[in-house]
Amino acid sequence: GHCAAGGGIIGVFEEELDALLGGQPWNPAMKREAEAGNKREPPATTRQRRRFWEAAKEMAPATAKAAFKLLSMHASTASAERNWSAWGRLYNNALRNRLK
């Protein structure tokens, strides 16, 4: 795969999400604001999320690949625990490397 200079896969995700957001920095308040403005809008279905990432995969291939994997996870407790544990290790290792 490809890696952003010094940022590993997390850096790649950050660059791709920045491109998807048009350079606007993301923060948790954005989600709250979007939810407040769309109180009658139901949450996106898995199918809608897959369609979004299918359309976004040219602009954000690594992030789309991760999104497809996350959307494909089984919901059973054991499977979910294994998957989230693996993603947690990936994130923690990347974060630890950035702090060095």
N, C-alpha and C. Protein backbone atom coordinates (compact mmCIF):
# COMPACT_ATOMS: atom_id res chain seq x y z
N GLY A 1 0.82 -1.20 0.00
CA GLY A 1 0.00 0.00 0.00
C GLY A 1 0.85 1.25 0.00
N HIS A 2 0.21 2.36 0.11
CA HIS A 2 0.92 3.63 0.15
C HIS A 2 0.77 4.24 1.53
N CYS A 3 1.77 5.02 1.94
CA CYS A 3 1.74 5.64 3.26
C CYS A 3 2.11 7.10 3.15
N ALA A 4 1.44 7.92 3.92
CA ALA A 4 1.76 9.34 3.96
C ALA A 4 3.09 9.51 4.68
N ALA A 5 3.80 10.56 4.34
CA ALA A 5 5.11 10.81 4.94
C ALA A 5 4.99 10.89 6.45
N GLY A 6 5.59 9.91 7.14
CA GLY A 6 5.64 9.93 8.59
C GLY A 6 4.34 9.60 9.29
N GLY A 7 3.23 9.43 8.57
CA GLY A 7 1.96 9.22 9.24
C GLY A 7 1.40 7.82 9.11
N GLY A 8 2.05 6.95 8.33
CA GLY A 8 1.54 5.61 8.16
C GLY A 8 0.13 5.61 7.61
N ILE A 9 -0.60 4.55 7.91
CA ILE A 9 -1.95 4.41 7.37
C ILE A 9 -2.89 5.46 7.96
N ILE A 10 -2.69 5.85 9.21
CA ILE A 10 -3.53 6.89 9.80
C ILE A 10 -3.33 8.20 9.04
N GLY A 11 -2.10 8.49 8.64
CA GLY A 11 -1.83 9.69 7.85
C GLY A 11 -2.53 9.64 6.50
N VAL A 12 -2.56 8.45 5.91
CA VAL A 12 -3.26 8.26 4.63
C VAL A 12 -4.75 8.53 4.84
N PHE A 13 -5.33 7.94 5.91
CA PHE A 13 -6.75 8.18 6.19
C PHE A 13 -7.02 9.67 6.37
N GLU A 14 -6.16 10.34 7.13
CA GLU A 14 -6.35 11.77 7.38
C GLU A 14 -6.31 12.57 6.08
N GLU A 15 -5.35 12.27 5.21
CA GLU A 15 -5.25 12.97 3.92
C GLU A 15 -6.49 12.73 3.06
N GLU A 16 -6.93 11.48 3.01
CA GLU A 16 -8.09 11.15 2.19
C GLU A 16 -9.37 11.79 2.74
N LEU A 17 -9.55 11.75 4.04
CA LEU A 17 -10.74 12.37 4.63
C LEU A 17 -10.71 13.88 4.45
N ASP A 18 -9.51 14.48 4.51
CA ASP A 18 -9.37 15.91 4.26
C ASP A 18 -9.82 16.23 2.84
N ALA A 19 -9.43 15.38 1.88
CA ALA A 19 -9.86 15.59 0.49
C ALA A 19 -11.37 15.45 0.36
N LEU A 20 -11.96 14.45 1.04
CA LEU A 20 -13.41 14.27 0.98
C LEU A 20 -14.17 15.44 1.60
N LEU A 21 -13.59 16.05 2.65
CA LEU A 21 -14.23 17.18 3.33
C LEU A 21 -13.91 18.51 2.66
N GLY A 22 -13.15 18.48 1.58
CA GLY A 22 -12.81 19.71 0.87
C GLY A 22 -11.93 20.65 1.67
N GLY A 23 -11.07 20.08 2.52
CA GLY A 23 -10.14 20.89 3.30
C GLY A 23 -10.73 21.43 4.59
N GLN A 24 -12.03 21.22 4.81
CA GLN A 24 -12.65 21.69 6.05
C GLN A 24 -12.25 20.74 7.18
N PRO A 25 -11.69 21.25 8.27
CA PRO A 25 -11.27 20.34 9.34
C PRO A 25 -12.49 19.68 9.99
N TRP A 26 -12.38 18.39 10.27
CA TRP A 26 -13.48 17.65 10.91
C TRP A 26 -13.35 17.79 12.40
N ASN A 27 -14.47 17.90 13.06
CA ASN A 27 -14.49 17.86 14.52
C ASN A 27 -15.82 17.26 14.96
N PRO A 28 -15.91 16.76 16.19
CA PRO A 28 -17.13 16.10 16.64
C PRO A 28 -18.37 16.98 16.57
N ALA A 29 -18.20 18.29 16.65
CA ALA A 29 -19.35 19.19 16.58
C ALA A 29 -20.03 19.12 15.21
N MET A 30 -19.27 18.79 14.16
CA MET A 30 -19.86 18.68 12.82
C MET A 30 -20.95 17.62 12.80
N LYS A 31 -20.71 16.49 13.46
CA LYS A 31 -21.71 15.43 13.49
C LYS A 31 -22.94 15.90 14.26
N ARG A 32 -22.73 16.55 15.41
CA ARG A 32 -23.86 17.05 16.20
C ARG A 32 -24.67 18.07 15.41
N GLU A 33 -23.98 18.97 14.70
CA GLU A 33 -24.68 19.98 13.91
C GLU A 33 -25.48 19.33 12.78
N ALA A 34 -24.89 18.34 12.13
CA ALA A 34 -25.59 17.65 11.04
C ALA A 34 -26.80 16.92 11.58
N GLU A 35 -26.64 16.27 12.73
CA GLU A 35 -27.77 15.55 13.32
C GLU A 35 -28.86 16.50 13.78
N ALA A 36 -28.48 17.67 14.31
CA ALA A 36 -29.48 18.64 14.77
C ALA A 36 -30.30 19.18 13.60
N GLY A 37 -29.64 19.36 12.46
CA GLY A 37 -30.34 19.88 11.29
C GLY A 37 -31.18 18.85 10.57
N ASN A 38 -30.93 17.57 10.83
CA ASN A 38 -31.64 16.48 10.15
C ASN A 38 -32.37 15.59 11.14
N LYS A 39 -33.11 16.18 12.06
CA LYS A 39 -33.78 15.38 13.09
C LYS A 39 -34.74 14.36 12.51
N ARG A 40 -35.31 14.65 11.36
CA ARG A 40 -36.27 13.73 10.76
C ARG A 40 -35.61 12.73 9.81
N GLU A 41 -34.34 12.93 9.54
CA GLU A 41 -33.61 12.05 8.62
C GLU A 41 -33.16 10.81 9.38
N PRO A 42 -33.58 9.61 8.95
CA PRO A 42 -33.14 8.40 9.63
C PRO A 42 -31.66 8.13 9.36
N PRO A 43 -31.00 7.35 10.21
CA PRO A 43 -29.59 7.02 9.96
C PRO A 43 -29.44 6.29 8.63
N ALA A 44 -28.29 6.44 8.03
CA ALA A 44 -28.03 5.77 6.75
C ALA A 44 -28.01 4.26 6.95
N THR A 45 -28.55 3.56 5.98
CA THR A 45 -28.52 2.10 6.02
C THR A 45 -27.13 1.62 5.59
N THR A 46 -26.85 0.36 5.85
CA THR A 46 -25.57 -0.21 5.42
C THR A 46 -25.44 -0.10 3.91
N ARG A 47 -26.52 -0.33 3.18
CA ARG A 47 -26.49 -0.23 1.72
C ARG A 47 -26.14 1.20 1.28
N GLN A 48 -26.73 2.21 1.93
CA GLN A 48 -26.42 3.60 1.59
C GLN A 48 -24.97 3.92 1.90
N ARG A 49 -24.46 3.42 3.01
CA ARG A 49 -23.05 3.66 3.37
C ARG A 49 -22.12 3.01 2.35
N ARG A 50 -22.46 1.79 1.93
CA ARG A 50 -21.64 1.12 0.91
C ARG A 50 -21.64 1.92 -0.39
N ARG A 51 -22.82 2.43 -0.78
CA ARG A 51 -22.89 3.23 -2.01
C ARG A 51 -22.03 4.48 -1.90
N PHE A 52 -22.06 5.14 -0.73
CA PHE A 52 -21.24 6.33 -0.52
C PHE A 52 -19.76 5.99 -0.72
N TRP A 53 -19.29 4.92 -0.05
CA TRP A 53 -17.88 4.57 -0.14
C TRP A 53 -17.50 4.06 -1.51
N GLU A 54 -18.46 3.44 -2.21
CA GLU A 54 -18.20 3.02 -3.59
C GLU A 54 -17.93 4.25 -4.45
N ALA A 55 -18.72 5.31 -4.26
CA ALA A 55 -18.53 6.54 -5.02
C ALA A 55 -17.27 7.28 -4.59
N ALA A 56 -16.89 7.16 -3.32
CA ALA A 56 -15.74 7.91 -2.79
C ALA A 56 -14.42 7.17 -2.94
N LYS A 57 -14.44 5.91 -3.41
CA LYS A 57 -13.21 5.12 -3.38
C LYS A 57 -12.11 5.63 -4.31
N GLU A 58 -12.47 6.37 -5.36
CA GLU A 58 -11.41 6.93 -6.21
C GLU A 58 -10.67 8.06 -5.49
N MET A 59 -11.40 8.83 -4.70
CA MET A 59 -10.79 9.95 -3.98
C MET A 59 -10.13 9.49 -2.69
N ALA A 60 -10.64 8.41 -2.09
CA ALA A 60 -10.13 7.94 -0.81
C ALA A 60 -10.04 6.41 -0.81
N PRO A 61 -9.12 5.84 -1.62
CA PRO A 61 -9.10 4.38 -1.75
C PRO A 61 -8.78 3.61 -0.46
N ALA A 62 -7.83 4.05 0.32
CA ALA A 62 -7.48 3.33 1.55
C ALA A 62 -8.60 3.44 2.58
N THR A 63 -9.18 4.61 2.70
CA THR A 63 -10.27 4.81 3.66
C THR A 63 -11.50 4.02 3.24
N ALA A 64 -11.79 4.01 1.94
CA ALA A 64 -12.93 3.24 1.43
C ALA A 64 -12.73 1.76 1.68
N LYS A 65 -11.51 1.27 1.48
CA LYS A 65 -11.22 -0.15 1.72
C LYS A 65 -11.47 -0.49 3.19
N ALA A 66 -11.01 0.37 4.10
CA ALA A 66 -11.24 0.15 5.53
C ALA A 66 -12.73 0.22 5.84
N ALA A 67 -13.45 1.16 5.23
CA ALA A 67 -14.89 1.28 5.47
C ALA A 67 -15.61 0.03 5.02
N PHE A 68 -15.25 -0.51 3.85
CA PHE A 68 -15.88 -1.74 3.36
C PHE A 68 -15.63 -2.89 4.34
N LYS A 69 -14.42 -2.97 4.87
CA LYS A 69 -14.13 -4.04 5.83
C LYS A 69 -14.95 -3.86 7.10
N LEU A 70 -15.04 -2.63 7.58
CA LEU A 70 -15.83 -2.37 8.79
C LEU A 70 -17.31 -2.65 8.56
N LEU A 71 -17.83 -2.28 7.40
CA LEU A 71 -19.23 -2.52 7.08
C LEU A 71 -19.53 -4.00 6.85
N SER A 72 -18.49 -4.79 6.61
CA SER A 72 -18.67 -6.22 6.36
C SER A 72 -18.51 -7.08 7.61
N MET A 73 -18.20 -6.44 8.73
CA MET A 73 -17.97 -7.20 9.97
C MET A 73 -19.25 -7.88 10.44
N HIS A 74 -19.09 -9.05 11.00
CA HIS A 74 -20.21 -9.75 11.61
C HIS A 74 -20.56 -9.07 12.92
N ALA A 75 -21.81 -9.11 13.28
CA ALA A 75 -22.26 -8.43 14.48
C ALA A 75 -22.19 -9.31 15.73
N SER A 76 -21.82 -10.58 15.60
CA SER A 76 -21.75 -11.43 16.78
C SER A 76 -20.65 -10.93 17.70
N THR A 77 -20.80 -11.17 18.96
CA THR A 77 -19.87 -10.65 19.96
C THR A 77 -18.43 -11.09 19.71
N ALA A 78 -18.19 -12.37 19.51
CA ALA A 78 -16.82 -12.88 19.35
C ALA A 78 -16.17 -12.29 18.11
N SER A 79 -16.89 -12.29 16.99
CA SER A 79 -16.33 -11.74 15.75
C SER A 79 -16.04 -10.26 15.90
N ALA A 80 -16.98 -9.53 16.47
CA ALA A 80 -16.80 -8.09 16.64
C ALA A 80 -15.61 -7.80 17.55
N GLU A 81 -15.48 -8.54 18.64
CA GLU A 81 -14.36 -8.32 19.57
C GLU A 81 -13.03 -8.53 18.86
N ARG A 82 -12.91 -9.59 18.07
CA ARG A 82 -11.66 -9.84 17.34
C ARG A 82 -11.37 -8.71 16.36
N ASN A 83 -12.40 -8.30 15.60
CA ASN A 83 -12.21 -7.24 14.61
C ASN A 83 -11.83 -5.92 15.26
N TRP A 84 -12.56 -5.51 16.30
CA TRP A 84 -12.26 -4.23 16.94
C TRP A 84 -10.91 -4.26 17.64
N SER A 85 -10.52 -5.42 18.16
CA SER A 85 -9.22 -5.54 18.79
C SER A 85 -8.11 -5.31 17.75
N ALA A 86 -8.27 -5.90 16.57
CA ALA A 86 -7.28 -5.72 15.51
C ALA A 86 -7.21 -4.26 15.07
N TRP A 87 -8.38 -3.63 14.88
CA TRP A 87 -8.39 -2.21 14.47
C TRP A 87 -7.81 -1.33 15.58
N GLY A 88 -8.08 -1.68 16.83
CA GLY A 88 -7.53 -0.92 17.95
C GLY A 88 -6.01 -0.99 17.99
N ARG A 89 -5.46 -2.18 17.75
CA ARG A 89 -4.00 -2.32 17.71
C ARG A 89 -3.40 -1.49 16.58
N LEU A 90 -4.04 -1.52 15.41
CA LEU A 90 -3.56 -0.73 14.27
C LEU A 90 -3.54 0.76 14.63
N TYR A 91 -4.63 1.25 15.19
CA TYR A 91 -4.73 2.66 15.55
C TYR A 91 -3.73 3.02 16.64
N ASN A 92 -3.64 2.22 17.70
CA ASN A 92 -2.72 2.52 18.80
C ASN A 92 -1.27 2.50 18.34
N ASN A 93 -0.91 1.53 17.50
CA ASN A 93 0.46 1.49 16.99
C ASN A 93 0.77 2.71 16.13
N ALA A 94 -0.18 3.11 15.29
CA ALA A 94 0.03 4.29 14.45
C ALA A 94 0.14 5.54 15.31
N LEU A 95 -0.72 5.66 16.32
CA LEU A 95 -0.68 6.82 17.21
C LEU A 95 0.63 6.86 17.99
N ARG A 96 1.05 5.72 18.49
CA ARG A 96 2.30 5.64 19.25
C ARG A 96 3.49 6.05 18.37
N ASN A 97 3.48 5.61 17.11
CA ASN A 97 4.56 5.97 16.18
C ASN A 97 4.58 7.46 15.90
N ARG A 98 3.40 8.10 15.85
CA ARG A 98 3.34 9.54 15.58
C ARG A 98 3.83 10.35 16.77
N LEU A 99 3.71 9.79 17.99
CA LEU A 99 4.14 10.52 19.17
C LEU A 99 5.64 10.45 19.39
N LYS A 100 6.31 9.51 18.71
CA LYS A 100 7.77 9.37 18.87
C LYS A 100 8.51 10.49 18.20
